[in-house]
Structures are given as C-alpha cells and as structure tokens.
Amino acid sequence: MRLVTARLIAVLLLVIPGLLACFGFLKIKNAIFNYFSAFGNDAITPDFQWLSFLFGLVLFAIGVGFIGGWIFFRDRKRNYVAPRFRPKRPRPPKPQA
C-alpha cells in the first residue's frame, strides 16, 4: 500500500504542473483570440488583455519548466544526457615533486 501511495504522489507532482501549463496556454490563446476577433466588431475598439496574457505566460512557464526540470534531472541520474550536462568529477590532485 505504501508503494501505491508514493506513486500516486509522484503522479500528482507531474499532473498539477501539467494542468497549470495547460491553463496558462489557454489564457494566452484566449487573450490573443479575443484581441483579433474584436477587429470584426465595429462597435468596440480592440484592446489587448495584457494581464490575462502575462498571467497565462507565467503559468505556462512554471508548468513547462517544472516538468522539463523533472525530466532533465531524472535523465541526468540515469546518465542519459549529453556529456556537457553530466556532473563534473573533481580531478585527482597532482603529486608534488
């Protein structure tokens, strides 16, 4: 039962940032769509919803950054990354002459 609980928590740690990224993407998309769709209506002046756009951008960056970091550190632990991303090993000291 303990393993099931640990895996459920691990899945939630990935689902919650994924939902944040999806919600942020939708806020960005809606802000852009509402701006361009307002050009068809002559009764109003189109204005861009900057607050909604920036809020969506922040949520999207946080969600994608968390998931990307999770994958990067998992791959780094399993040694799947390029040599430049592997942890640096300290060089042994040179013998004194």
C-alpha atoms as a PDB file:
ATOM      1  CA  MET A   1       0.000   0.000   0.000  1.00  0.00           C
ATOM      2  CA  ARG A   2       2.905   2.304   0.714  1.00  0.00           C
ATOM      3  CA  LEU A   3       4.264   1.964  -2.845  1.00  0.00           C
ATOM      4  CA  VAL A   4       0.862   2.817  -4.309  1.00  0.00           C
ATOM      5  CA  THR A   5       0.688   5.976  -2.207  1.00  0.00           C
ATOM      6  CA  ALA A   6       4.205   7.012  -3.222  1.00  0.00           C
ATOM      7  CA  ARG A   7       3.406   6.516  -6.908  1.00  0.00           C
ATOM      8  CA  LEU A   8       0.146   8.440  -6.572  1.00  0.00           C
ATOM      9  CA  ILE A   9       2.028  11.373  -5.042  1.00  0.00           C
ATOM     10  CA  ALA A  10       4.620  11.185  -7.843  1.00  0.00           C
ATOM     11  CA  VAL A  11       1.897  11.259 -10.499  1.00  0.00           C
ATOM     12  CA  LEU A  12       0.234  14.230  -8.799  1.00  0.00           C
ATOM     13  CA  LEU A  13       3.582  16.045  -8.785  1.00  0.00           C
ATOM     14  CA  LEU A  14       3.562  15.812 -12.582  1.00  0.00           C
ATOM     15  CA  VAL A  15      -0.162  16.304 -13.198  1.00  0.00           C
ATOM     16  CA  ILE A  16      -0.530  19.543 -11.238  1.00  0.00           C
ATOM     17  CA  PRO A  17       2.206  21.442 -13.160  1.00  0.00           C
ATOM     18  CA  GLY A  18       0.832  19.957 -16.382  1.00  0.00           C
ATOM     19  CA  LEU A  19      -2.606  21.349 -15.590  1.00  0.00           C
ATOM     20  CA  LEU A  20      -1.059  24.728 -14.754  1.00  0.00           C
ATOM     21  CA  ALA A  21       0.743  24.744 -18.106  1.00  0.00           C
ATOM     22  CA  CYS A  22      -2.488  23.839 -19.926  1.00  0.00           C
ATOM     23  CA  PHE A  23      -4.445  26.543 -18.121  1.00  0.00           C
ATOM     24  CA  GLY A  24      -1.711  29.079 -18.892  1.00  0.00           C
ATOM     25  CA  PHE A  25      -1.720  28.119 -22.561  1.00  0.00           C
ATOM     26  CA  LEU A  26      -5.500  28.585 -22.676  1.00  0.00           C
ATOM     27  CA  LYS A  27      -5.225  32.049 -21.082  1.00  0.00           C
ATOM     28  CA  ILE A  28      -2.608  33.047 -23.684  1.00  0.00           C
ATOM     29  CA  LYS A  29      -4.707  31.658 -26.526  1.00  0.00           C
ATOM     30  CA  ASN A  30      -7.888  33.372 -25.334  1.00  0.00           C
ATOM     31  CA  ALA A  31      -6.164  36.742 -24.925  1.00  0.00           C
ATOM     32  CA  ILE A  32      -4.789  36.597 -28.471  1.00  0.00           C
ATOM     33  CA  PHE A  33      -8.038  35.267 -29.950  1.00  0.00           C
ATOM     34  CA  ASN A  34     -10.196  37.911 -28.240  1.00  0.00           C
ATOM     35  CA  TYR A  35      -7.897  40.660 -29.494  1.00  0.00           C
ATOM     36  CA  PHE A  36      -8.034  39.544 -33.132  1.00  0.00           C
ATOM     37  CA  SER A  37     -11.725  38.674 -33.062  1.00  0.00           C
ATOM     38  CA  ALA A  38     -12.583  42.176 -31.810  1.00  0.00           C
ATOM     39  CA  PHE A  39     -11.434  43.630 -35.142  1.00  0.00           C
ATOM     40  CA  GLY A  40     -14.624  42.305 -36.761  1.00  0.00           C
ATOM     41  CA  ASN A  41     -16.890  44.282 -34.413  1.00  0.00           C
ATOM     42  CA  ASP A  42     -17.158  47.958 -35.387  1.00  0.00           C
ATOM     43  CA  ALA A  43     -18.958  48.896 -32.164  1.00  0.00           C
ATOM     44  CA  ILE A  44     -15.900  48.429 -29.922  1.00  0.00           C
ATOM     45  CA  THR A  45     -12.232  49.348 -30.019  1.00  0.00           C
ATOM     46  CA  PRO A  46      -9.976  46.276 -29.811  1.00  0.00           C
ATOM     47  CA  ASP A  47      -7.781  46.173 -26.730  1.00  0.00           C
ATOM     48  CA  PHE A  48      -5.301  43.510 -25.702  1.00  0.00           C
ATOM     49  CA  GLN A  49      -5.793  41.739 -22.358  1.00  0.00           C
ATOM     50  CA  TRP A  50      -2.235  42.106 -21.076  1.00  0.00           C
ATOM     51  CA  LEU A  51      -2.929  40.918 -17.534  1.00  0.00           C
ATOM     52  CA  SER A  52      -4.548  37.699 -18.706  1.00  0.00           C
ATOM     53  CA  PHE A  53      -1.781  37.128 -21.255  1.00  0.00           C
ATOM     54  CA  LEU A  54       1.042  37.649 -18.750  1.00  0.00           C
ATOM     55  CA  PHE A  55      -0.692  35.502 -16.118  1.00  0.00           C
ATOM     56  CA  GLY A  56      -1.023  32.708 -18.678  1.00  0.00           C
ATOM     57  CA  LEU A  57       2.595  33.120 -19.746  1.00  0.00           C
ATOM     58  CA  VAL A  58       3.801  32.820 -16.153  1.00  0.00           C
ATOM     59  CA  LEU A  59       1.662  29.730 -15.504  1.00  0.00           C
ATOM     60  CA  PHE A  60       2.818  28.132 -18.747  1.00  0.00           C
ATOM     61  CA  ALA A  61       6.497  28.829 -17.984  1.00  0.00           C
ATOM     62  CA  ILE A  62       6.202  27.444 -14.442  1.00  0.00           C
ATOM     63  CA  GLY A  63       4.459  24.251 -15.580  1.00  0.00           C
ATOM     64  CA  VAL A  64       6.750  23.537 -18.517  1.00  0.00           C
ATOM     65  CA  GLY A  65       9.843  24.467 -16.507  1.00  0.00           C
ATOM     66  CA  PHE A  66       8.927  22.110 -13.685  1.00  0.00           C
ATOM     67  CA  ILE A  67       8.206  19.182 -15.988  1.00  0.00           C
ATOM     68  CA  GLY A  68      11.326  19.894 -18.064  1.00  0.00           C
ATOM     69  CA  GLY A  69      13.480  20.063 -14.932  1.00  0.00           C
ATOM     70  CA  TRP A  70      11.954  16.842 -13.627  1.00  0.00           C
ATOM     71  CA  ILE A  71      12.792  15.022 -16.870  1.00  0.00           C
ATOM     72  CA  PHE A  72      16.278  16.561 -17.071  1.00  0.00           C
ATOM     73  CA  PHE A  73      17.300  15.543 -13.554  1.00  0.00           C
ATOM     74  CA  ARG A  74      15.795  12.075 -13.983  1.00  0.00           C
ATOM     75  CA  ASP A  75      17.761  11.586 -17.196  1.00  0.00           C
ATOM     76  CA  ARG A  76      20.880  13.004 -15.563  1.00  0.00           C
ATOM     77  CA  LYS A  77      20.565  10.487 -12.742  1.00  0.00           C
ATOM     78  CA  ARG A  78      20.254   7.635 -15.267  1.00  0.00           C
ATOM     79  CA  ASN A  79      23.143   9.024 -17.353  1.00  0.00           C
ATOM     80  CA  TYR A  80      21.029   9.650 -20.492  1.00  0.00           C
ATOM     81  CA  VAL A  81      22.203  13.224 -21.075  1.00  0.00           C
ATOM     82  CA  ALA A  82      24.980  14.622 -23.253  1.00  0.00           C
ATOM     83  CA  PRO A  83      28.464  14.784 -21.719  1.00  0.00           C
ATOM     84  CA  ARG A  84      28.292  18.536 -21.173  1.00  0.00           C
ATOM     85  CA  PHE A  85      25.301  18.087 -18.817  1.00  0.00           C
ATOM     86  CA  ARG A  86      26.850  15.311 -16.741  1.00  0.00           C
ATOM     87  CA  PRO A  87      28.062  16.254 -13.272  1.00  0.00           C
ATOM     88  CA  LYS A  88      31.706  17.276 -13.160  1.00  0.00           C
ATOM     89  CA  ARG A  89      34.016  14.904 -11.336  1.00  0.00           C
ATOM     90  CA  PRO A  90      36.853  16.524  -9.396  1.00  0.00           C
ATOM     91  CA  ARG A  91      40.296  15.812 -10.778  1.00  0.00           C
ATOM     92  CA  PRO A  92      42.673  13.975  -8.515  1.00  0.00           C
ATOM     93  CA  PRO A  93      45.407  16.249  -7.151  1.00  0.00           C
ATOM     94  CA  LYS A  94      48.745  16.212  -8.932  1.00  0.00           C
ATOM     95  CA  PRO A  95      51.560  14.576  -6.987  1.00  0.00           C
ATOM     96  CA  GLN A  96      54.023  17.032  -5.505  1.00  0.00           C
ATOM     97  CA  ALA A  97      57.545  16.744  -6.870  1.00  0.00           C
END
